[in-house]
Amino acid sequence: MSKFRYALLDQASLNELGHFDALAEAVESRARFVAAAPEAADDLEIWDQDDDVLVELEPEKRRPAPAA
């Protein structure tokens, strides 16, 4: 079992982008990556390493917010 429960993965490059104790931290980190590179939104996944499952995000959290 991993020291951290959640992992942020980039499926396009197969890189691990971070490990987190709390889901909120992983979601926040993913949002920062998506804000910097919106085209990568579909490739960035959060995995629950304890249960070995993909964390399903709400649609509004998967894509960057539209520009105001």
Protein backbone atom coordinates (compact mmCIF):
# COMPACT_ATOMS: atom_id res chain seq x y z
CA MET A 1 0.00 0.00 0.00
CA SER A 2 1.23 3.51 -0.84
CA LYS A 3 2.07 6.11 1.78
CA PHE A 4 -0.36 8.49 0.05
CA ARG A 5 -3.91 7.52 -0.81
CA TYR A 6 -4.40 9.47 -4.07
CA ALA A 7 -2.21 9.77 -7.16
CA LEU A 8 -2.55 12.24 -10.02
CA LEU A 9 -1.61 10.52 -13.28
CA ASP A 10 -1.12 11.80 -16.81
CA GLN A 11 -2.28 8.94 -19.02
CA ALA A 12 -0.77 10.54 -22.15
CA SER A 13 2.78 10.44 -20.78
CA LEU A 14 2.21 7.77 -18.11
CA ASN A 15 3.80 10.13 -15.57
CA GLU A 16 2.76 10.42 -11.96
CA LEU A 17 2.26 14.13 -11.28
CA GLY A 18 1.70 13.98 -7.53
CA HIS A 19 0.61 12.00 -4.50
CA PHE A 20 -1.85 13.26 -1.90
CA ASP A 21 -3.36 12.32 1.45
CA ALA A 22 -6.71 13.94 0.70
CA LEU A 23 -8.91 13.84 -2.38
CA ALA A 24 -9.45 17.61 -2.19
CA GLU A 25 -5.69 18.15 -2.56
CA ALA A 26 -5.56 15.90 -5.62
CA VAL A 27 -8.55 17.66 -7.21
CA GLU A 28 -6.98 21.07 -6.56
CA SER A 29 -3.65 20.01 -8.06
CA ARG A 30 -5.40 18.55 -11.11
CA ALA A 31 -7.30 21.83 -11.55
CA ARG A 32 -4.00 23.75 -11.61
CA PHE A 33 -2.63 21.44 -14.32
CA VAL A 34 -5.84 21.78 -16.35
CA ALA A 35 -5.78 25.57 -16.02
CA ALA A 36 -2.23 25.60 -17.40
CA ALA A 37 -2.94 23.08 -20.18
CA PRO A 38 -6.69 22.69 -20.86
CA GLU A 39 -6.01 20.28 -23.72
CA ALA A 40 -4.68 17.77 -21.16
CA ALA A 41 -7.92 17.62 -19.14
CA ASP A 42 -9.01 14.25 -20.52
CA ASP A 43 -5.62 12.66 -19.79
CA LEU A 44 -5.32 13.69 -16.14
CA GLU A 45 -6.74 11.12 -13.75
CA ILE A 46 -6.91 10.77 -10.00
CA TRP A 47 -6.52 7.24 -8.65
CA ASP A 48 -7.42 5.97 -5.22
CA GLN A 49 -4.36 3.83 -4.53
CA ASP A 50 -5.88 2.12 -1.49
CA ASP A 51 -8.81 0.77 -3.50
CA ASP A 52 -6.97 0.78 -6.88
CA VAL A 53 -9.82 2.61 -8.65
CA LEU A 54 -10.16 5.68 -10.80
CA VAL A 55 -11.85 8.54 -8.95
CA GLU A 56 -14.81 9.71 -11.00
CA LEU A 57 -14.97 13.51 -11.05
CA GLU A 58 -18.08 15.58 -11.61
CA PRO A 59 -18.18 16.96 -15.18
CA GLU A 60 -17.63 20.54 -14.02
CA LYS A 61 -14.38 19.47 -12.33
CA ARG A 62 -13.06 17.62 -15.39
CA ARG A 63 -12.84 20.66 -17.67
CA PRO A 64 -11.51 24.17 -17.06
CA ALA A 65 -14.03 26.86 -16.25
CA PRO A 66 -15.00 28.97 -19.28
CA ALA A 67 -13.32 32.36 -19.54
CA ALA A 68 -15.37 35.23 -18.16
